[in-house]
Amino acid sequence: MTATLFVDTNVFVYARQAREPGKRRQAIDWIDRLWREQTGRTSVQVLSEYYVTVTRKIDPPRDPDDAWDDVKALMSWNPLPTDRVLLEAGREIERRYRTSWWDSLIVAAAQLQGCALLLTEDLQDGAVLAGVTVRNPFTLKVAESESTYAVQPPVVSRHPRRGRPRKQAAIVE
């Protein structure tokens, strides 16, 4: 795989949570592959969400020092910081696709890092937002071919549109 993939919070959380062993195994497989190929990307927002989730929202909670060790390790992925460029891109995505603010920032971070895929179960699987294809990491197999990861260009019809033709603007002299 040569394409870069953006990893959302839930993938990292499932990798540390024993409650759902099937998802845990898949999350670990994804993260291992992305580490090995150095194609994983994330953001400071995701690392913040991960830390809060595993130390406060799962049962049993992860030790804060262990969770912080995870965050420090993921810093090697050069997470995208939250800055003005990200906020402006996130706002545009929120307006255009009507996604939540937090999801808009995730999509914008993936887009700004040139990611072909966004691995998350929080958005519609297969949706293309701002040029980034959303895939559910628990339905997409880690071993699938690279062609699955490639962003497909939109199909342009060679046939004229059907329906009533649009009125031409009247020329006023």
N, C-alpha and C. Protein backbone atom coordinates (compact mmCIF):
# COMPACT_ATOMS: atom_id res chain seq x y z
N MET A 1 0.85 -1.17 0.00
CA MET A 1 0.00 0.00 0.00
C MET A 1 0.90 1.22 0.00
N THR A 2 0.67 2.14 -0.89
CA THR A 2 1.47 3.36 -0.92
C THR A 2 0.66 4.58 -0.52
N ALA A 3 -0.63 4.49 -0.56
CA ALA A 3 -1.48 5.63 -0.20
C ALA A 3 -1.41 5.86 1.30
N THR A 4 -1.53 7.12 1.69
CA THR A 4 -1.57 7.43 3.12
C THR A 4 -3.01 7.30 3.60
N LEU A 5 -3.18 6.80 4.82
CA LEU A 5 -4.48 6.58 5.41
C LEU A 5 -4.57 7.34 6.73
N PHE A 6 -5.67 8.05 6.91
CA PHE A 6 -5.90 8.78 8.15
C PHE A 6 -6.67 7.87 9.10
N VAL A 7 -6.21 7.79 10.33
CA VAL A 7 -6.82 6.92 11.33
C VAL A 7 -7.55 7.78 12.36
N ASP A 8 -8.83 7.48 12.54
CA ASP A 8 -9.65 8.20 13.51
C ASP A 8 -9.54 7.55 14.89
N THR A 9 -10.04 8.24 15.88
CA THR A 9 -9.94 7.84 17.28
C THR A 9 -10.42 6.43 17.54
N ASN A 10 -11.57 6.05 16.96
CA ASN A 10 -12.16 4.77 17.31
C ASN A 10 -11.26 3.58 16.97
N VAL A 11 -10.43 3.69 15.95
CA VAL A 11 -9.51 2.61 15.60
C VAL A 11 -8.48 2.42 16.71
N PHE A 12 -7.90 3.52 17.18
CA PHE A 12 -6.93 3.44 18.26
C PHE A 12 -7.56 2.92 19.56
N VAL A 13 -8.80 3.35 19.83
CA VAL A 13 -9.48 2.91 21.05
C VAL A 13 -9.76 1.41 20.99
N TYR A 14 -10.30 0.92 19.87
CA TYR A 14 -10.58 -0.52 19.77
C TYR A 14 -9.31 -1.34 19.92
N ALA A 15 -8.17 -0.82 19.48
CA ALA A 15 -6.92 -1.56 19.61
C ALA A 15 -6.53 -1.76 21.08
N ARG A 16 -7.07 -0.94 21.96
CA ARG A 16 -6.75 -1.03 23.40
C ARG A 16 -7.90 -1.55 24.25
N GLN A 17 -9.01 -1.89 23.63
CA GLN A 17 -10.19 -2.29 24.39
C GLN A 17 -10.49 -3.76 24.12
N ALA A 18 -10.58 -4.55 25.18
CA ALA A 18 -10.79 -5.99 25.04
C ALA A 18 -12.26 -6.36 24.88
N ARG A 19 -13.15 -5.41 25.03
CA ARG A 19 -14.60 -5.68 25.03
C ARG A 19 -15.09 -6.30 23.71
N GLU A 20 -14.53 -5.89 22.58
CA GLU A 20 -14.93 -6.43 21.28
C GLU A 20 -13.70 -7.02 20.59
N PRO A 21 -13.42 -8.31 20.85
CA PRO A 21 -12.18 -8.92 20.36
C PRO A 21 -12.03 -8.89 18.83
N GLY A 22 -13.11 -9.02 18.08
CA GLY A 22 -13.03 -8.98 16.62
C GLY A 22 -12.55 -7.63 16.12
N LYS A 23 -13.15 -6.57 16.63
CA LYS A 23 -12.75 -5.22 16.25
C LYS A 23 -11.35 -4.92 16.77
N ARG A 24 -11.04 -5.43 17.94
CA ARG A 24 -9.70 -5.20 18.49
C ARG A 24 -8.64 -5.78 17.57
N ARG A 25 -8.86 -7.01 17.11
CA ARG A 25 -7.89 -7.67 16.23
C ARG A 25 -7.72 -6.88 14.93
N GLN A 26 -8.84 -6.44 14.34
CA GLN A 26 -8.76 -5.68 13.09
C GLN A 26 -8.06 -4.34 13.29
N ALA A 27 -8.37 -3.66 14.38
CA ALA A 27 -7.74 -2.37 14.67
C ALA A 27 -6.23 -2.55 14.83
N ILE A 28 -5.82 -3.58 15.55
CA ILE A 28 -4.39 -3.86 15.73
C ILE A 28 -3.74 -4.17 14.38
N ASP A 29 -4.42 -4.96 13.54
CA ASP A 29 -3.87 -5.28 12.22
C ASP A 29 -3.67 -4.03 11.37
N TRP A 30 -4.67 -3.12 11.39
CA TRP A 30 -4.56 -1.87 10.64
C TRP A 30 -3.37 -1.05 11.13
N ILE A 31 -3.30 -0.86 12.44
CA ILE A 31 -2.24 -0.03 13.01
C ILE A 31 -0.87 -0.64 12.74
N ASP A 32 -0.75 -1.97 12.89
CA ASP A 32 0.52 -2.65 12.60
C ASP A 32 0.95 -2.42 11.15
N ARG A 33 0.02 -2.56 10.22
CA ARG A 33 0.36 -2.38 8.81
C ARG A 33 0.78 -0.94 8.52
N LEU A 34 0.05 0.00 9.08
CA LEU A 34 0.38 1.41 8.85
C LEU A 34 1.72 1.79 9.48
N TRP A 35 2.05 1.21 10.63
CA TRP A 35 3.37 1.43 11.24
C TRP A 35 4.45 0.88 10.32
N ARG A 36 4.25 -0.36 9.89
CA ARG A 36 5.25 -1.04 9.06
C ARG A 36 5.51 -0.29 7.76
N GLU A 37 4.45 0.17 7.12
CA GLU A 37 4.57 0.84 5.82
C GLU A 37 4.75 2.35 5.93
N GLN A 38 4.66 2.87 7.15
CA GLN A 38 4.78 4.30 7.42
C GLN A 38 3.80 5.13 6.60
N THR A 39 2.57 4.64 6.51
CA THR A 39 1.55 5.34 5.72
C THR A 39 0.37 5.83 6.59
N GLY A 40 0.49 5.70 7.90
CA GLY A 40 -0.57 6.16 8.79
C GLY A 40 -0.45 7.64 9.09
N ARG A 41 -1.59 8.30 9.15
CA ARG A 41 -1.64 9.71 9.50
C ARG A 41 -2.75 9.90 10.54
N THR A 42 -2.64 10.95 11.34
CA THR A 42 -3.66 11.29 12.31
C THR A 42 -3.53 12.77 12.64
N SER A 43 -4.22 13.20 13.68
CA SER A 43 -4.17 14.62 14.06
C SER A 43 -4.09 14.76 15.57
N VAL A 44 -3.74 15.95 16.01
CA VAL A 44 -3.68 16.23 17.44
C VAL A 44 -5.07 16.04 18.05
N GLN A 45 -6.11 16.41 17.32
CA GLN A 45 -7.49 16.22 17.81
C GLN A 45 -7.74 14.74 18.12
N VAL A 46 -7.34 13.86 17.21
CA VAL A 46 -7.55 12.42 17.40
C VAL A 46 -6.78 11.93 18.63
N LEU A 47 -5.54 12.36 18.77
CA LEU A 47 -4.75 11.91 19.92
C LEU A 47 -5.35 12.41 21.23
N SER A 48 -5.90 13.62 21.23
CA SER A 48 -6.57 14.15 22.42
C SER A 48 -7.81 13.34 22.75
N GLU A 49 -8.61 13.05 21.73
CA GLU A 49 -9.82 12.25 21.93
C GLU A 49 -9.46 10.85 22.43
N TYR A 50 -8.41 10.27 21.87
CA TYR A 50 -7.97 8.94 22.29
C TYR A 50 -7.62 8.94 23.78
N TYR A 51 -6.80 9.89 24.20
CA TYR A 51 -6.37 9.95 25.59
C TYR A 51 -7.56 10.06 26.54
N VAL A 52 -8.47 10.96 26.25
CA VAL A 52 -9.65 11.14 27.11
C VAL A 52 -10.52 9.88 27.11
N THR A 53 -10.72 9.29 25.95
CA THR A 53 -11.59 8.11 25.86
C THR A 53 -11.03 6.93 26.64
N VAL A 54 -9.75 6.62 26.46
CA VAL A 54 -9.21 5.42 27.12
C VAL A 54 -8.94 5.62 28.60
N THR A 55 -8.78 6.87 29.04
CA THR A 55 -8.53 7.08 30.47
C THR A 55 -9.79 7.38 31.27
N ARG A 56 -10.89 7.74 30.55
CA ARG A 56 -12.08 8.15 31.30
C ARG A 56 -13.39 7.52 30.85
N LYS A 57 -13.46 7.03 29.61
CA LYS A 57 -14.75 6.61 29.09
C LYS A 57 -14.91 5.11 28.87
N ILE A 58 -13.85 4.34 28.95
CA ILE A 58 -13.99 2.89 28.78
C ILE A 58 -13.85 2.21 30.13
N ASP A 59 -14.36 1.00 30.20
CA ASP A 59 -14.31 0.25 31.45
C ASP A 59 -13.59 -1.07 31.20
N PRO A 60 -12.51 -1.35 31.83
CA PRO A 60 -11.81 -0.51 32.80
C PRO A 60 -10.99 0.55 32.08
N PRO A 61 -10.79 1.69 32.73
CA PRO A 61 -10.00 2.75 32.10
C PRO A 61 -8.53 2.35 32.04
N ARG A 62 -7.86 2.86 31.05
CA ARG A 62 -6.42 2.62 30.89
C ARG A 62 -5.66 3.57 31.82
N ASP A 63 -4.56 3.09 32.35
CA ASP A 63 -3.71 3.92 33.20
C ASP A 63 -3.27 5.15 32.39
N PRO A 64 -3.39 6.36 32.95
CA PRO A 64 -3.01 7.57 32.21
C PRO A 64 -1.56 7.55 31.70
N ASP A 65 -0.65 6.99 32.46
CA ASP A 65 0.75 6.93 31.99
C ASP A 65 0.88 6.02 30.77
N ASP A 66 0.16 4.89 30.77
CA ASP A 66 0.18 3.99 29.61
C ASP A 66 -0.47 4.66 28.39
N ALA A 67 -1.58 5.34 28.64
CA ALA A 67 -2.26 6.04 27.53
C ALA A 67 -1.36 7.13 26.97
N TRP A 68 -0.64 7.83 27.85
CA TRP A 68 0.26 8.88 27.38
C TRP A 68 1.42 8.28 26.58
N ASP A 69 1.88 7.10 26.97
CA ASP A 69 2.92 6.41 26.19
C ASP A 69 2.42 6.12 24.77
N ASP A 70 1.15 5.72 24.65
CA ASP A 70 0.55 5.49 23.33
C ASP A 70 0.56 6.79 22.51
N VAL A 71 0.15 7.88 23.14
CA VAL A 71 0.10 9.17 22.46
C VAL A 71 1.50 9.58 22.01
N LYS A 72 2.49 9.43 22.88
CA LYS A 72 3.86 9.79 22.52
C LYS A 72 4.35 8.95 21.35
N ALA A 73 4.01 7.67 21.32
CA ALA A 73 4.42 6.81 20.20
C ALA A 73 3.78 7.29 18.91
N LEU A 74 2.52 7.67 18.97
CA LEU A 74 1.81 8.13 17.78
C LEU A 74 2.26 9.51 17.31
N MET A 75 2.99 10.22 18.14
CA MET A 75 3.56 11.51 17.73
C MET A 75 4.53 11.32 16.56
N SER A 76 5.07 10.11 16.41
CA SER A 76 5.99 9.86 15.29
C SER A 76 5.26 9.88 13.95
N TRP A 77 3.92 9.83 13.97
CA TRP A 77 3.13 9.95 12.75
C TRP A 77 2.99 11.42 12.34
N ASN A 78 3.62 12.33 13.09
CA ASN A 78 3.52 13.76 12.83
C ASN A 78 2.07 14.22 12.71
N PRO A 79 1.31 14.09 13.80
CA PRO A 79 -0.11 14.46 13.74
C PRO A 79 -0.30 15.91 13.34
N LEU A 80 -1.30 16.14 12.51
CA LEU A 80 -1.60 17.49 12.06
C LEU A 80 -2.08 18.33 13.25
N PRO A 81 -1.46 19.49 13.48
CA PRO A 81 -1.91 20.34 14.58
C PRO A 81 -3.20 21.06 14.22
N THR A 82 -3.89 21.50 15.25
CA THR A 82 -5.07 22.32 15.04
C THR A 82 -4.60 23.75 14.88
N ASP A 83 -4.77 24.28 13.68
CA ASP A 83 -4.34 25.65 13.40
C ASP A 83 -5.39 26.34 12.54
N ARG A 84 -5.08 27.54 12.13
CA ARG A 84 -6.03 28.33 11.33
C ARG A 84 -6.39 27.64 10.02
N VAL A 85 -5.41 27.06 9.34
CA VAL A 85 -5.66 26.38 8.06
C VAL A 85 -6.64 25.23 8.25
N LEU A 86 -6.42 24.43 9.30
CA LEU A 86 -7.32 23.31 9.58
C LEU A 86 -8.73 23.80 9.92
N LEU A 87 -8.81 24.84 10.73
CA LEU A 87 -10.12 25.36 11.11
C LEU A 87 -10.89 25.87 9.89
N GLU A 88 -10.21 26.59 9.00
CA GLU A 88 -10.88 27.10 7.80
C GLU A 88 -11.31 25.98 6.88
N ALA A 89 -10.46 24.97 6.71
CA ALA A 89 -10.83 23.82 5.87
C ALA A 89 -11.99 23.05 6.51
N GLY A 90 -11.96 22.91 7.83
CA GLY A 90 -13.05 22.23 8.54
C GLY A 90 -14.37 22.96 8.39
N ARG A 91 -14.33 24.26 8.46
CA ARG A 91 -15.57 25.06 8.29
C ARG A 91 -16.15 24.88 6.90
N GLU A 92 -15.28 24.87 5.89
CA GLU A 92 -15.76 24.68 4.52
C GLU A 92 -16.38 23.29 4.35
N ILE A 93 -15.77 22.28 4.93
CA ILE A 93 -16.32 20.92 4.85
C ILE A 93 -17.63 20.83 5.60
N GLU A 94 -17.72 21.46 6.77
CA GLU A 94 -18.97 21.47 7.54
C GLU A 94 -20.10 22.08 6.72
N ARG A 95 -19.82 23.20 6.07
CA ARG A 95 -20.84 23.88 5.26
C ARG A 95 -21.23 23.05 4.04
N ARG A 96 -20.24 22.51 3.36
CA ARG A 96 -20.52 21.80 2.10
C ARG A 96 -21.21 20.46 2.31
N TYR A 97 -20.76 19.69 3.29
CA TYR A 97 -21.28 18.33 3.47
C TYR A 97 -22.23 18.18 4.65
N ARG A 98 -22.40 19.26 5.42
CA ARG A 98 -23.30 19.25 6.57
C ARG A 98 -22.93 18.17 7.59
N THR A 99 -21.64 18.03 7.82
CA THR A 99 -21.15 17.10 8.83
C THR A 99 -21.00 17.86 10.14
N SER A 100 -20.85 17.11 11.23
CA SER A 100 -20.64 17.77 12.52
C SER A 100 -19.30 18.50 12.49
N TRP A 101 -19.15 19.44 13.39
CA TRP A 101 -17.92 20.22 13.44
C TRP A 101 -16.70 19.31 13.65
N TRP A 102 -16.81 18.38 14.61
CA TRP A 102 -15.66 17.52 14.94
C TRP A 102 -15.33 16.59 13.78
N ASP A 103 -16.34 16.04 13.13
CA ASP A 103 -16.09 15.18 11.95
C ASP A 103 -15.50 16.01 10.80
N SER A 104 -15.95 17.24 10.67
CA SER A 104 -15.41 18.12 9.63
C SER A 104 -13.92 18.36 9.82
N LEU A 105 -13.51 18.53 11.07
CA LEU A 105 -12.09 18.72 11.35
C LEU A 105 -11.28 17.46 11.04
N ILE A 106 -11.87 16.30 11.28
CA ILE A 106 -11.19 15.02 10.97
C ILE A 106 -11.02 14.90 9.45
N VAL A 107 -12.08 15.16 8.70
CA VAL A 107 -12.00 15.08 7.23
C VAL A 107 -10.98 16.09 6.72
N ALA A 108 -11.01 17.30 7.25
CA ALA A 108 -10.07 18.34 6.82
C ALA A 108 -8.63 17.93 7.12
N ALA A 109 -8.40 17.33 8.27
CA ALA A 109 -7.04 16.89 8.61
C ALA A 109 -6.58 15.81 7.65
N ALA A 110 -7.47 14.89 7.28
CA ALA A 110 -7.12 13.85 6.30
C ALA A 110 -6.82 14.49 4.95
N GLN A 111 -7.66 15.42 4.54
CA GLN A 111 -7.48 16.09 3.25
C GLN A 111 -6.16 16.87 3.22
N LEU A 112 -5.87 17.62 4.25
CA LEU A 112 -4.66 18.44 4.29
C LEU A 112 -3.39 17.61 4.30
N GLN A 113 -3.50 16.35 4.71
CA GLN A 113 -2.34 15.46 4.71
C GLN A 113 -2.28 14.58 3.46
N GLY A 114 -3.20 14.83 2.52
CA GLY A 114 -3.19 14.09 1.26
C GLY A 114 -3.57 12.63 1.39
N CYS A 115 -4.41 12.30 2.35
CA CYS A 115 -4.81 10.90 2.57
C CYS A 115 -5.86 10.46 1.56
N ALA A 116 -5.69 9.25 1.06
CA ALA A 116 -6.67 8.67 0.14
C ALA A 116 -7.87 8.16 0.91
N LEU A 117 -7.63 7.62 2.11
CA LEU A 117 -8.70 7.04 2.92
C LEU A 117 -8.71 7.61 4.32
N LEU A 118 -9.91 7.66 4.87
CA LEU A 118 -10.13 8.00 6.27
C LEU A 118 -10.75 6.77 6.91
N LEU A 119 -10.03 6.13 7.82
CA LEU A 119 -10.53 4.95 8.50
C LEU A 119 -11.30 5.37 9.74
N THR A 120 -12.62 5.21 9.69
CA THR A 120 -13.49 5.57 10.81
C THR A 120 -14.80 4.83 10.68
N GLU A 121 -15.44 4.59 11.81
CA GLU A 121 -16.79 4.04 11.74
C GLU A 121 -17.82 5.12 12.06
N ASP A 122 -17.37 6.36 12.16
CA ASP A 122 -18.25 7.47 12.52
C ASP A 122 -18.93 8.15 11.34
N LEU A 123 -18.48 7.88 10.13
CA LEU A 123 -19.08 8.48 8.94
C LEU A 123 -19.54 7.37 8.00
N GLN A 124 -20.31 7.72 6.99
CA GLN A 124 -20.87 6.73 6.07
C GLN A 124 -19.78 6.05 5.26
N ASP A 125 -19.74 4.72 5.36
CA ASP A 125 -18.75 3.93 4.63
C ASP A 125 -18.90 4.15 3.13
N GLY A 126 -17.79 4.49 2.47
CA GLY A 126 -17.79 4.71 1.02
C GLY A 126 -18.03 6.14 0.60
N ALA A 127 -18.42 7.00 1.53
CA ALA A 127 -18.64 8.41 1.18
C ALA A 127 -17.31 9.05 0.78
N VAL A 128 -17.39 9.98 -0.15
CA VAL A 128 -16.21 10.75 -0.53
C VAL A 128 -16.47 12.20 -0.11
N LEU A 129 -15.67 12.67 0.81
CA LEU A 129 -15.81 14.02 1.35
C LEU A 129 -14.50 14.77 1.11
N ALA A 130 -14.57 15.85 0.39
CA ALA A 130 -13.40 16.69 0.11
C ALA A 130 -12.25 15.88 -0.49
N GLY A 131 -12.59 14.91 -1.32
CA GLY A 131 -11.58 14.10 -1.99
C GLY A 131 -11.04 12.95 -1.17
N VAL A 132 -11.56 12.75 0.03
CA VAL A 132 -11.11 11.68 0.91
C VAL A 132 -12.22 10.63 0.98
N THR A 133 -11.88 9.37 0.73
CA THR A 133 -12.86 8.29 0.81
C THR A 133 -12.92 7.77 2.23
N VAL A 134 -14.13 7.71 2.77
CA VAL A 134 -14.35 7.21 4.12
C VAL A 134 -14.55 5.70 4.03
N ARG A 135 -13.83 4.96 4.85
CA ARG A 135 -14.01 3.51 4.90
C ARG A 135 -14.08 3.07 6.35
N ASN A 136 -14.99 2.13 6.60
CA ASN A 136 -15.11 1.54 7.92
C ASN A 136 -13.99 0.50 8.05
N PRO A 137 -13.08 0.68 8.97
CA PRO A 137 -11.94 -0.24 9.08
C PRO A 137 -12.33 -1.65 9.51
N PHE A 138 -13.59 -1.81 9.93
CA PHE A 138 -14.02 -3.12 10.39
C PHE A 138 -14.81 -3.87 9.32
N THR A 139 -15.04 -3.23 8.16
CA THR A 139 -15.62 -3.92 7.02
C THR A 139 -14.62 -4.01 5.87
N LEU A 140 -13.63 -3.14 5.86
CA LEU A 140 -12.57 -3.15 4.85
C LEU A 140 -11.44 -4.01 5.39
N LYS A 141 -11.07 -5.03 4.65
CA LYS A 141 -10.01 -5.93 5.09
C LYS A 141 -8.65 -5.28 4.92
N VAL A 142 -7.78 -5.50 5.87
CA VAL A 142 -6.44 -4.94 5.85
C VAL A 142 -5.68 -5.43 4.62
N ALA A 143 -5.92 -6.65 4.21
CA ALA A 143 -5.15 -7.26 3.12
C ALA A 143 -5.71 -6.97 1.73
N GLU A 144 -6.79 -6.19 1.62
CA GLU A 144 -7.35 -5.92 0.30
C GLU A 144 -6.34 -5.17 -0.56
N SER A 145 -6.46 -5.33 -1.86
CA SER A 145 -5.49 -4.76 -2.79
C SER A 145 -5.51 -3.24 -2.75
N GLU A 146 -4.42 -2.65 -3.25
CA GLU A 146 -4.30 -1.19 -3.28
C GLU A 146 -5.38 -0.53 -4.10
N SER A 147 -5.90 -1.23 -5.09
CA SER A 147 -6.92 -0.62 -5.93
C SER A 147 -8.15 -0.26 -5.11
N THR A 148 -8.37 -0.96 -4.02
CA THR A 148 -9.48 -0.66 -3.13
C THR A 148 -9.27 0.69 -2.45
N TYR A 149 -8.00 1.04 -2.22
CA TYR A 149 -7.70 2.27 -1.51
C TYR A 149 -7.68 3.48 -2.42
N ALA A 150 -7.51 3.25 -3.70
CA ALA A 150 -7.40 4.38 -4.63
C ALA A 150 -8.71 5.13 -4.72
N VAL A 151 -8.61 6.43 -4.77
CA VAL A 151 -9.80 7.26 -4.94
C VAL A 151 -10.18 7.20 -6.41
N GLN A 152 -11.39 6.78 -6.69
CA GLN A 152 -11.86 6.65 -8.05
C GLN A 152 -12.39 8.00 -8.54
N PRO A 153 -12.01 8.39 -9.78
CA PRO A 153 -12.55 9.65 -10.30
C PRO A 153 -14.05 9.50 -10.57
N PRO A 154 -14.80 10.58 -10.45
CA PRO A 154 -16.24 10.48 -10.69
C PRO A 154 -16.51 10.14 -12.16
N VAL A 155 -17.57 9.36 -12.37
CA VAL A 155 -17.95 8.97 -13.72
C VAL A 155 -18.70 10.14 -14.36
N VAL A 156 -18.25 10.52 -15.54
CA VAL A 156 -18.90 11.61 -16.26
C VAL A 156 -19.69 10.99 -17.41
N SER A 157 -20.96 11.27 -17.45
CA SER A 157 -21.82 10.70 -18.48
C SER A 157 -21.58 11.39 -19.82
N ARG A 158 -21.60 10.60 -20.90
CA ARG A 158 -21.46 11.17 -22.24
C ARG A 158 -22.83 11.53 -22.81
N HIS A 159 -23.86 11.17 -22.10
CA HIS A 159 -25.21 11.42 -22.58
C HIS A 159 -25.71 12.76 -22.04
N PRO A 160 -26.53 13.46 -22.85
CA PRO A 160 -27.05 14.75 -22.36
C PRO A 160 -28.01 14.52 -21.20
N ARG A 161 -28.13 15.52 -20.35
CA ARG A 161 -29.04 15.43 -19.21
C ARG A 161 -30.47 15.39 -19.71
N ARG A 162 -31.29 14.68 -19.00
CA ARG A 162 -32.71 14.61 -19.34
C ARG A 162 -33.47 15.65 -18.57
N GLY A 163 -34.68 15.84 -19.00
CA GLY A 163 -35.52 16.81 -18.31
C GLY A 163 -35.68 18.06 -19.13
N ARG A 164 -36.33 18.98 -18.55
CA ARG A 164 -36.63 20.22 -19.22
C ARG A 164 -35.38 21.09 -19.36
N PRO A 165 -35.14 21.63 -20.55
CA PRO A 165 -33.96 22.48 -20.70
C PRO A 165 -34.11 23.76 -19.88
N ARG A 166 -33.00 24.26 -19.44
CA ARG A 166 -33.02 25.50 -18.66
C ARG A 166 -33.27 26.68 -19.60
N LYS A 167 -33.99 27.66 -19.09
CA LYS A 167 -34.24 28.86 -19.87
C LYS A 167 -32.97 29.67 -19.99
N GLN A 168 -32.77 30.19 -21.15
CA GLN A 168 -31.61 31.06 -21.38
C GLN A 168 -31.96 32.45 -20.84
N ALA A 169 -30.99 33.10 -20.30
CA ALA A 169 -31.21 34.46 -19.79
C ALA A 169 -31.47 35.39 -20.98
N ALA A 170 -32.45 36.23 -20.84
CA ALA A 170 -32.78 37.17 -21.91
C ALA A 170 -31.72 38.25 -21.98
N ILE A 171 -31.36 38.59 -23.20
CA ILE A 171 -30.37 39.63 -23.41
C ILE A 171 -31.10 40.97 -23.44
N VAL A 172 -30.70 41.85 -22.57
CA VAL A 172 -31.30 43.17 -22.49
C VAL A 172 -30.39 44.17 -23.19
N GLU A 173 -30.95 44.87 -24.15
CA GLU A 173 -30.13 45.86 -24.87
C GLU A 173 -30.47 47.24 -24.43
